[in-house]
Protein backbone atom coordinates (compact mmCIF):
# COMPACT_ATOMS: atom_id res chain seq x y z
CA MET A 1 -17.38 9.03 -17.70
CA ARG A 2 -20.55 10.39 -19.32
CA THR A 3 -19.32 10.70 -23.06
CA GLN A 4 -17.17 7.58 -22.98
CA PRO A 5 -18.52 5.46 -20.16
CA VAL A 6 -17.02 2.05 -21.42
CA ILE A 7 -13.53 3.21 -21.72
CA ALA A 8 -13.89 5.24 -18.60
CA TRP A 9 -15.03 2.19 -16.45
CA VAL A 10 -12.48 -0.05 -18.04
CA THR A 11 -9.82 2.55 -16.96
CA VAL A 12 -11.22 2.67 -13.49
CA PHE A 13 -11.23 -1.06 -12.90
CA GLY A 14 -8.02 -1.64 -14.58
CA THR A 15 -6.49 0.86 -12.07
CA ALA A 16 -8.49 -0.89 -9.24
CA MET A 17 -6.86 -4.19 -10.23
CA SER A 18 -3.38 -2.68 -10.24
CA ILE A 19 -3.68 -0.89 -7.00
CA PHE A 20 -5.20 -4.05 -5.60
CA LEU A 21 -2.07 -6.07 -6.47
CA ILE A 22 0.20 -3.30 -5.26
CA LEU A 23 -1.64 -3.12 -1.95
CA ILE A 24 -1.28 -6.90 -1.41
CA MET A 25 2.34 -6.82 -1.98
CA LEU A 26 2.79 -3.72 0.09
CA THR A 27 0.60 -5.26 3.12
CA MET A 28 2.65 -8.42 3.04
CA GLN A 29 5.85 -6.48 3.11
CA MET A 30 4.65 -3.80 5.82
CA LEU A 31 2.91 -5.72 8.43
CA TYR A 32 6.08 -7.53 9.51
CA ILE A 33 8.03 -4.38 9.76
CA MET A 34 5.75 -1.57 10.65
CA PRO A 35 4.60 -0.89 14.36
CA ILE A 36 2.25 -3.31 15.72
CA SER A 37 1.38 -3.64 19.38
CA PRO A 38 3.10 -4.49 21.51
CA GLU A 39 6.10 -4.01 19.16
CA ASN A 40 5.47 -0.52 18.86
CA HIS A 41 9.14 0.54 18.47
CA ARG A 42 10.13 -1.75 15.55
CA ASP A 43 12.03 1.24 14.06
CA ARG A 44 14.47 1.10 17.07
CA MET A 45 14.71 -2.69 17.52
CA LEU A 46 17.78 -4.89 17.00
CA TYR A 47 17.85 -8.52 17.40
CA GLY A 48 20.81 -10.89 18.12
CA VAL A 49 19.55 -14.09 16.93
CA TYR A 50 22.43 -16.47 16.12
CA PHE A 51 25.92 -17.33 16.96
CA HIS A 52 28.59 -19.06 14.79
CA PHE A 53 32.13 -20.23 15.55
CA GLU A 54 34.68 -22.43 13.78
CA SER A 55 38.00 -24.13 14.32
CA THR A 56 41.31 -22.07 13.66
CA ASP A 57 42.94 -25.47 13.14
CA PRO A 58 43.31 -26.08 9.07
CA ASP A 59 43.15 -29.79 9.61
CA ASN A 60 39.94 -29.48 11.87
CA GLY A 61 36.92 -28.22 9.98
CA SER A 62 34.53 -28.39 12.89
CA SER A 63 32.30 -25.49 13.49
CA GLY A 64 28.93 -24.73 15.12
CA SER A 65 26.12 -22.40 14.63
CA GLY A 66 22.65 -21.70 15.90
CA GLU A 67 20.68 -19.74 18.56
CA LEU A 68 22.58 -18.52 21.38
CA SER A 69 23.23 -19.93 24.97
CA LEU A 70 22.22 -17.43 27.75
CA LEU A 71 25.98 -16.83 28.64
CA ARG A 72 26.92 -15.79 24.98
CA ALA A 73 23.71 -13.76 24.66
CA ARG A 74 24.68 -11.67 27.82
CA GLN A 75 28.20 -11.46 26.92
CA LEU A 76 27.51 -10.03 23.61
CA TYR A 77 24.32 -8.00 24.14
CA GLN A 78 23.82 -7.09 27.67
CA ASP A 79 24.64 -3.47 28.95
CA LEU A 80 25.57 -2.05 25.52
CA GLU A 81 25.82 1.83 25.63
CA GLY A 82 23.48 2.33 22.78
CA VAL A 83 20.63 0.16 24.14
CA GLU A 84 17.98 1.35 26.34
CA GLU A 85 16.74 -2.20 27.26
CA VAL A 86 17.37 -5.74 26.32
CA SER A 87 15.46 -9.07 26.60
CA PHE A 88 16.73 -12.50 26.57
CA GLN A 89 13.97 -14.78 25.25
CA ASP A 90 12.96 -17.70 22.89
CA LYS A 91 13.06 -16.64 19.29
CA GLU A 92 10.01 -18.75 18.59
CA PRO A 93 7.38 -19.57 21.06
CA GLU A 94 7.06 -23.41 21.61
CA HIS A 95 3.77 -25.54 21.43
CA LYS A 96 2.75 -26.93 24.72
CA ASN A 97 -0.36 -28.41 26.30
CA VAL A 98 -2.02 -26.48 28.98
CA LYS A 99 -4.69 -27.43 31.55
CA GLY A 100 -6.66 -25.13 34.00
CA PRO A 101 -9.32 -25.32 36.52
CA SER A 102 -11.76 -25.44 33.75
CA GLY A 103 -10.67 -28.93 32.87
CA GLU A 104 -10.08 -28.16 29.21
CA THR A 105 -6.48 -29.12 27.79
CA PHE A 106 -5.57 -27.37 24.62
CA GLU A 107 -2.37 -26.48 22.85
CA VAL A 108 -0.91 -22.99 23.60
CA TYR A 109 2.36 -21.02 22.52
CA ASN A 110 4.63 -20.82 25.38
CA ARG A 111 7.48 -18.17 25.14
CA ARG A 112 10.16 -18.03 27.84
CA THR A 113 11.53 -14.57 28.62
CA ASP A 114 13.47 -12.80 31.17
CA ASP A 115 12.06 -9.62 33.05
CA GLY A 116 13.51 -7.22 30.53
CA PHE A 117 10.97 -8.60 28.03
CA TRP A 118 8.25 -6.63 29.66
CA ARG A 119 10.34 -3.28 29.31
CA VAL A 120 11.33 -3.90 25.67
CA PHE A 121 7.62 -4.37 24.48
CA ASP A 122 4.63 -2.42 25.28
CA PHE A 123 2.22 -5.06 26.64
CA ASP A 124 -1.09 -4.12 28.12
CA LEU A 125 -1.27 -5.64 31.50
CA MET A 126 -4.80 -6.28 32.34
CA GLU A 127 -4.26 -7.46 35.84
CA GLY A 128 -1.56 -8.66 38.12
CA ARG A 129 2.08 -8.29 37.53
CA TYR A 130 5.19 -9.60 35.67
CA TYR A 131 7.72 -11.86 37.08
CA THR A 132 10.72 -10.47 38.72
CA PRO A 133 14.51 -11.12 38.31
CA GLU A 134 14.61 -12.79 41.86
CA GLU A 135 11.86 -15.24 40.57
CA ILE A 136 13.81 -16.00 37.27
CA GLU A 137 17.11 -16.56 39.01
CA ALA A 138 15.25 -18.89 41.75
CA GLY A 139 13.50 -20.87 39.06
CA THR A 140 10.12 -20.01 40.57
CA ARG A 141 7.37 -21.35 38.36
CA VAL A 142 5.23 -18.45 37.68
CA ALA A 143 3.42 -17.58 34.37
CA VAL A 144 1.72 -14.57 32.65
CA VAL A 145 -0.96 -15.62 30.17
CA SER A 146 -2.92 -13.74 27.53
CA GLU A 147 -6.51 -12.58 28.07
CA SER A 148 -8.10 -15.07 25.79
CA THR A 149 -5.98 -17.90 27.16
CA ALA A 150 -7.10 -17.07 30.77
CA ARG A 151 -10.85 -17.04 29.86
CA ARG A 152 -10.28 -20.46 28.46
CA LEU A 153 -8.29 -21.79 31.52
CA PHE A 154 -10.42 -20.03 34.27
CA GLY A 155 -13.63 -19.23 32.63
CA SER A 156 -15.37 -16.62 34.84
CA GLU A 157 -13.06 -17.15 37.88
CA PRO A 158 -10.07 -14.97 38.58
CA ALA A 159 -7.06 -15.94 36.95
CA ILE A 160 -4.52 -14.28 39.32
CA GLY A 161 -3.42 -16.78 41.81
CA GLY A 162 -4.70 -19.80 39.95
CA ARG A 163 -2.64 -22.67 38.86
CA ILE A 164 -2.20 -24.27 35.55
CA LEU A 165 -0.43 -27.31 34.19
CA LEU A 166 1.90 -26.62 31.41
CA ASN A 167 2.99 -29.78 29.76
CA HIS A 168 4.02 -31.61 32.96
CA ASN A 169 4.91 -28.76 35.25
CA TYR A 170 2.57 -26.66 37.56
CA TYR A 171 2.71 -22.79 37.29
CA ASP A 172 1.21 -20.10 39.44
CA VAL A 173 -0.63 -17.31 37.21
CA ILE A 174 0.68 -13.77 38.23
CA GLY A 175 -0.43 -11.82 35.48
CA VAL A 176 -2.78 -11.35 32.41
CA VAL A 177 -1.92 -9.33 29.26
CA GLY A 178 -3.90 -8.43 26.21
CA ASP A 179 -3.94 -10.73 23.30
CA VAL A 180 -1.12 -10.31 21.03
CA SER A 181 -1.19 -10.84 17.10
CA ARG A 182 0.95 -13.48 15.52
CA LEU A 183 2.32 -10.93 13.26
CA ALA A 184 4.03 -9.44 16.14
CA THR A 185 6.78 -12.39 15.62
CA TRP A 186 8.98 -11.27 18.59
CA SER A 187 6.28 -11.02 21.29
CA PHE A 188 3.55 -13.28 20.37
CA GLY A 189 2.57 -15.92 23.04
CA ASP A 190 -0.34 -17.44 24.89
CA VAL A 191 1.67 -18.26 28.13
CA TYR A 192 4.97 -16.54 29.16
CA THR A 193 7.12 -18.06 31.66
CA PRO A 194 10.77 -17.43 32.94
CA ILE A 195 13.80 -18.51 30.99
CA ASN A 196 16.00 -21.19 32.66
CA THR A 197 19.26 -19.47 33.89
CA ARG A 198 20.64 -22.55 35.46
CA LYS A 199 22.73 -25.06 33.20
CA ASP A 200 25.42 -27.39 34.30
CA ASP A 201 26.83 -28.60 30.99
CA SER A 202 30.20 -26.93 30.44
CA SER A 203 30.86 -28.42 26.97
CA ILE A 204 31.96 -25.94 24.35
CA TRP A 205 28.66 -26.45 22.49
CA SER A 206 26.62 -25.88 25.58
CA VAL A 207 28.61 -22.59 26.48
CA ASN A 208 28.13 -21.21 23.07
CA MET A 209 24.89 -22.60 21.68
CA GLY A 210 21.29 -22.77 23.24
CA ASP A 211 17.92 -21.61 22.44
CA ILE A 212 18.19 -17.87 23.46
CA SER A 213 17.98 -14.74 21.31
CA ALA A 214 18.19 -11.13 22.36
CA ALA A 215 15.70 -8.31 21.56
CA MET A 216 17.18 -4.86 21.99
CA LEU A 217 15.43 -1.35 22.15
CA VAL A 218 18.04 1.02 20.88
CA LYS A 219 18.23 4.49 22.45
CA GLU A 220 16.76 7.48 20.86
CA GLY A 221 19.21 9.08 18.22
CA VAL A 222 21.62 6.16 18.40
CA SER A 223 22.49 4.58 14.97
CA PHE A 224 22.18 0.85 14.46
CA GLU A 225 25.73 0.88 13.12
CA SER A 226 27.19 2.16 16.45
CA VAL A 227 25.57 -0.55 18.12
CA ARG A 228 26.98 -3.14 15.78
CA ASP A 229 30.32 -1.70 16.23
CA GLU A 230 29.90 -2.03 20.05
CA VAL A 231 28.76 -5.57 19.51
CA LYS A 232 31.70 -6.50 17.24
CA SER A 233 34.15 -5.46 19.82
CA ARG A 234 32.35 -7.96 22.09
CA TYR A 235 32.88 -10.69 19.57
CA ALA A 236 36.57 -9.82 19.65
CA MET A 237 36.51 -10.43 23.47
CA VAL A 238 34.86 -13.81 22.95
CA ASP A 239 37.55 -14.60 20.34
CA THR A 240 40.09 -14.34 23.00
CA GLU A 241 38.08 -16.82 25.18
CA LEU A 242 37.67 -19.34 22.43
CA ALA A 243 41.37 -19.29 21.35
CA ALA A 244 42.01 -21.61 24.13
CA ASP A 245 40.03 -24.41 22.29
CA ASN A 246 41.39 -23.51 18.85
CA MET A 247 38.15 -21.54 17.83
CA ARG A 248 37.10 -18.27 16.66
CA THR A 249 33.79 -16.53 16.08
CA VAL A 250 32.35 -15.63 12.65
CA TYR A 251 30.54 -12.41 12.66
CA HIS A 252 27.66 -11.99 10.48
CA ASN A 253 27.02 -8.17 11.08
CA ALA A 254 24.64 -8.85 13.96
CA PRO A 255 22.43 -7.56 15.61
CA PHE A 256 19.78 -7.43 12.80
CA ASP A 257 16.99 -4.82 12.44
CA GLN A 258 13.12 -5.83 12.07
CA GLU A 259 13.33 -6.14 8.17
CA THR A 260 16.33 -8.23 8.15
CA THR A 261 15.03 -10.71 10.77
CA THR A 262 11.73 -11.23 8.74
CA GLY A 263 13.17 -11.44 5.23
CA GLY A 264 16.92 -11.63 5.13
CA LEU A 265 17.95 -14.38 7.65
CA ARG A 266 18.62 -17.55 5.77
CA GLY A 267 20.51 -19.56 8.38
CA SER A 268 22.77 -19.16 11.36
CA ASN A 269 25.93 -19.42 9.29
CA TYR A 270 24.92 -16.88 6.69
CA THR A 271 25.35 -13.07 6.52
CA PRO A 272 22.11 -11.55 5.52
CA ASP A 273 21.92 -9.14 2.58
CA MET A 274 18.75 -7.24 1.87
CA SER A 275 19.94 -5.78 -1.51
CA ASP A 276 18.57 -8.85 -3.28
CA SER A 277 15.28 -8.37 -1.64
CA HIS A 278 15.08 -4.71 -2.14
CA MET A 279 15.90 -5.30 -5.77
CA MET A 280 13.19 -7.90 -6.17
CA HIS A 281 10.53 -5.67 -4.41
CA ALA A 282 11.57 -2.84 -6.73
CA ILE A 283 11.05 -4.94 -9.95
CA ILE A 284 7.76 -6.29 -8.89
CA TYR A 285 6.30 -2.77 -7.88
CA ALA A 286 7.74 -1.48 -11.31
CA VAL A 287 5.87 -4.33 -13.24
CA LEU A 288 2.70 -3.80 -11.30
CA LEU A 289 2.88 -0.08 -12.38
CA LEU A 290 4.30 -0.03 -15.82
CA VAL A 291 2.19 -2.87 -17.31
CA PRO A 292 -1.12 -1.38 -16.33
CA ALA A 293 0.10 2.12 -16.99
CA ILE A 294 0.87 1.34 -20.69
CA ASN A 295 -2.59 -0.13 -21.30
CA LEU A 296 -4.18 2.81 -19.28
CA SER A 297 -2.20 5.21 -21.56
CA SER A 298 -3.59 3.64 -24.76
CA MET A 299 -7.03 4.09 -23.59
CA LEU A 300 -6.43 7.57 -22.46
CA HIS A 301 -4.94 8.35 -26.06
CA SER A 302 -8.08 6.85 -27.56
CA ARG A 303 -10.21 8.96 -25.45
CA LEU A 304 -8.30 12.16 -26.29
CA ARG A 305 -8.56 11.59 -30.06
CA ARG A 306 -12.19 11.81 -29.86
CA ARG A 307 -11.91 15.03 -28.07
CA ILE A 308 -9.12 16.39 -30.30
CA SER A 309 -11.57 19.24 -31.60
CA ASP A 310 -12.40 20.42 -28.03
CA ILE A 311 -8.65 20.73 -27.28
CA GLY A 312 -8.15 22.64 -30.58
CA VAL A 313 -10.85 25.16 -29.69
CA ARG A 314 -9.38 25.70 -26.25
CA ARG A 315 -5.96 26.06 -27.75
CA ALA A 316 -7.44 28.61 -30.43
CA PHE A 317 -9.08 30.67 -27.52
CA GLY A 318 -5.37 31.06 -25.82
CA CYS A 319 -5.26 28.06 -23.46
CA THR A 320 -1.63 27.14 -23.13
CA ARG A 321 -0.04 23.91 -23.67
CA SER A 322 0.88 23.47 -19.99
CA ARG A 323 -2.68 24.21 -18.94
CA ILE A 324 -3.87 21.43 -21.42
CA ILE A 325 -1.33 18.97 -19.93
CA ARG A 326 -2.28 19.77 -16.41
CA ASP A 327 -6.23 19.55 -17.04
CA ILE A 328 -5.67 16.12 -18.63
CA ILE A 329 -3.42 14.80 -15.94
CA ALA A 330 -5.96 16.22 -13.16
CA GLU A 331 -8.83 14.78 -15.08
CA ASN A 332 -7.09 11.31 -15.36
CA LEU A 333 -6.05 11.43 -11.60
CA ILE A 334 -9.71 11.70 -10.61
CA VAL A 335 -10.48 8.38 -12.58
CA THR A 336 -7.25 6.86 -11.16
CA ILE A 337 -8.27 7.78 -7.58
CA ALA A 338 -11.50 6.12 -8.09
CA GLY A 339 -9.86 3.15 -9.20
CA GLY A 340 -7.47 3.39 -6.27
CA ILE A 341 -10.25 3.69 -3.72
CA ILE A 342 -11.88 0.47 -5.27
CA GLY A 343 -8.68 -1.40 -5.24
CA LEU A 344 -7.85 -0.31 -1.75
CA VAL A 345 -11.28 -1.59 -0.30
CA ALA A 346 -10.76 -4.88 -2.28
CA GLY A 347 -7.32 -5.23 -1.03
CA VAL A 348 -8.10 -4.61 2.62
CA LEU A 349 -11.21 -7.15 2.51
CA PHE A 350 -8.92 -9.81 0.75
CA SER A 351 -6.30 -9.37 3.31
CA MET A 352 -8.67 -9.64 6.30
CA PHE A 353 -10.78 -12.52 5.04
CA TRP A 354 -8.32 -14.96 2.85
CA ASP A 355 -6.90 -17.45 5.34
CA GLY A 356 -3.90 -18.31 3.13
CA MET A 357 -2.18 -14.83 2.91
CA TYR A 358 -0.41 -14.92 6.10
CA THR A 359 0.88 -18.13 7.84
CA THR A 360 3.00 -19.24 10.62
CA ASP A 361 5.81 -21.78 10.66
CA TYR A 362 3.11 -24.22 11.78
CA ASN A 363 0.98 -23.46 8.68
CA GLU A 364 -1.51 -21.80 10.67
CA SER A 365 -3.42 -18.91 9.18
CA ILE A 366 -3.19 -15.40 10.48
CA ARG A 367 -5.69 -12.82 9.98
CA PRO A 368 -4.70 -8.90 10.40
CA THR A 369 -7.12 -6.83 12.07
CA LEU A 370 -8.73 -3.77 10.09
CA GLY A 371 -6.61 -1.53 12.29
CA MET A 372 -3.41 -2.99 10.98
CA LEU A 373 -4.59 -2.72 7.47
CA LEU A 374 -5.62 1.04 7.61
CA ASN A 375 -2.07 1.83 8.76
CA TRP A 376 -1.12 5.35 7.43
CA ARG A 377 1.93 3.69 5.82
CA ILE A 378 -0.17 1.27 3.63
CA ILE A 379 -2.83 3.94 2.66
CA LEU A 380 0.05 6.39 1.85
CA GLY A 381 1.86 3.73 -0.26
CA ALA A 382 -1.55 3.00 -2.08
CA PHE A 383 -2.40 6.56 -2.98
CA GLY A 384 1.25 7.16 -3.84
CA ALA A 385 1.01 4.29 -6.32
CA CYS A 386 -2.31 5.90 -7.71
CA PHE A 387 -0.34 9.19 -8.15
CA ILE A 388 2.61 7.43 -10.07
CA LEU A 389 0.24 5.36 -12.13
CA ASN A 390 -1.64 8.63 -13.39
CA LEU A 391 1.59 10.27 -14.17
CA ILE A 392 3.04 7.42 -16.21
CA SER A 393 -0.21 6.73 -18.07
CA ALA A 394 -1.33 10.41 -18.80
CA ALA A 395 1.92 12.19 -19.27
CA VAL A 396 2.64 11.11 -22.87
CA PRO A 397 -0.97 11.40 -24.15
CA ALA A 398 -1.35 14.71 -22.58
CA TRP A 399 1.88 15.81 -24.13
CA GLN A 400 0.81 14.67 -27.44
CA ALA A 401 -2.53 16.35 -27.12
CA ALA A 402 -1.17 19.67 -26.14
CA ARG A 403 1.26 19.82 -29.11
CA VAL A 404 -1.64 19.38 -31.84
CA ASN A 405 -2.15 22.37 -34.07
CA PRO A 406 -5.30 24.14 -33.16
CA VAL A 407 -6.37 24.51 -36.78
CA THR A 408 -5.74 20.78 -37.58
CA ALA A 409 -7.48 19.78 -34.09
CA ILE A 410 -10.50 21.79 -35.07
CA ASN A 411 -10.78 20.43 -38.52
CA ALA A 412 -10.27 16.83 -37.32
CA SER A 413 -13.87 16.64 -36.47
CA LYS A 414 -15.06 17.65 -39.86
């Protein structure tokens, strides 16, 4: 850096830009699949999202697909042997107006859940309690609210025992939980209320379709495939029931893991395939590594040509070729890590403060916290990219420098 500052600093900032772009890509990919409170067990989570059925009559092309009714969700996903806990809930929270004793009316996200929701996800219960199965079956209007929502609704007054108006219905607040990031797509909400277990419509559409999804916490050591095999056998049982109406189910390899639900579901009548997504990510990462590596390799080659006589002297005094290669790679690694740190800091700040990076279905911006961004997976990925970038950019110039004849190298400076 002292002898060739311009090339060295260009190398540092070129590395920083590469790591910055890789970090942004990695962060956008990882924040939706790595553990985030209260979704602390995403690696053990499976989701039953949709249901699809069609006619068995070749002259009748009717079919239906969408989110499940509570009846079908329970038939397919309740009491599975490989599942520790299951929750039946809204896939997406709904926008509603809420008003409390403070007198302020504002919009909140309302997610309807059952009692298993509080066992599947690791919420921080600040005060009060969760609603019970008896309250859900009885249709009792009770609610659990987030901490920030409780402050807006009740101010400095106690929230527990208070009453709120959610759209056109009054609910009694029985619990307050810690705020949840919108990046926790399956558990986020401002107000949580019990699901409706009472439906009188017995039409084939109502029996099969609804607005319910299932979130399952798989037991330790149980494979996802074994759970899917069990669910597939449940589909066969539903087929027997639907046969009376000349209908059959269409199985789409449900339930789905966290990565598939965030990046592979394109519709309720589609079997997700993550291979295309994985290939696309691999190509993007390869481009972000190879293009800078080629440029950095050219600059390193230029630096080494100016030091060729020094390398020749070291070779003349017995330094082995492998030692020359190791030293050049190690020296380049220091420069690469310096650029990587700059790129890491820039990427974290960019992710925290640029509103357009993460958005919801309502085009609302999300800002991840510093704790989310400093996750060991993201940091390890960034420095892993530094190491790979160093090897790609330094390997060929180092090998060429080590093979130079010592006499030719010493005379090159004359």
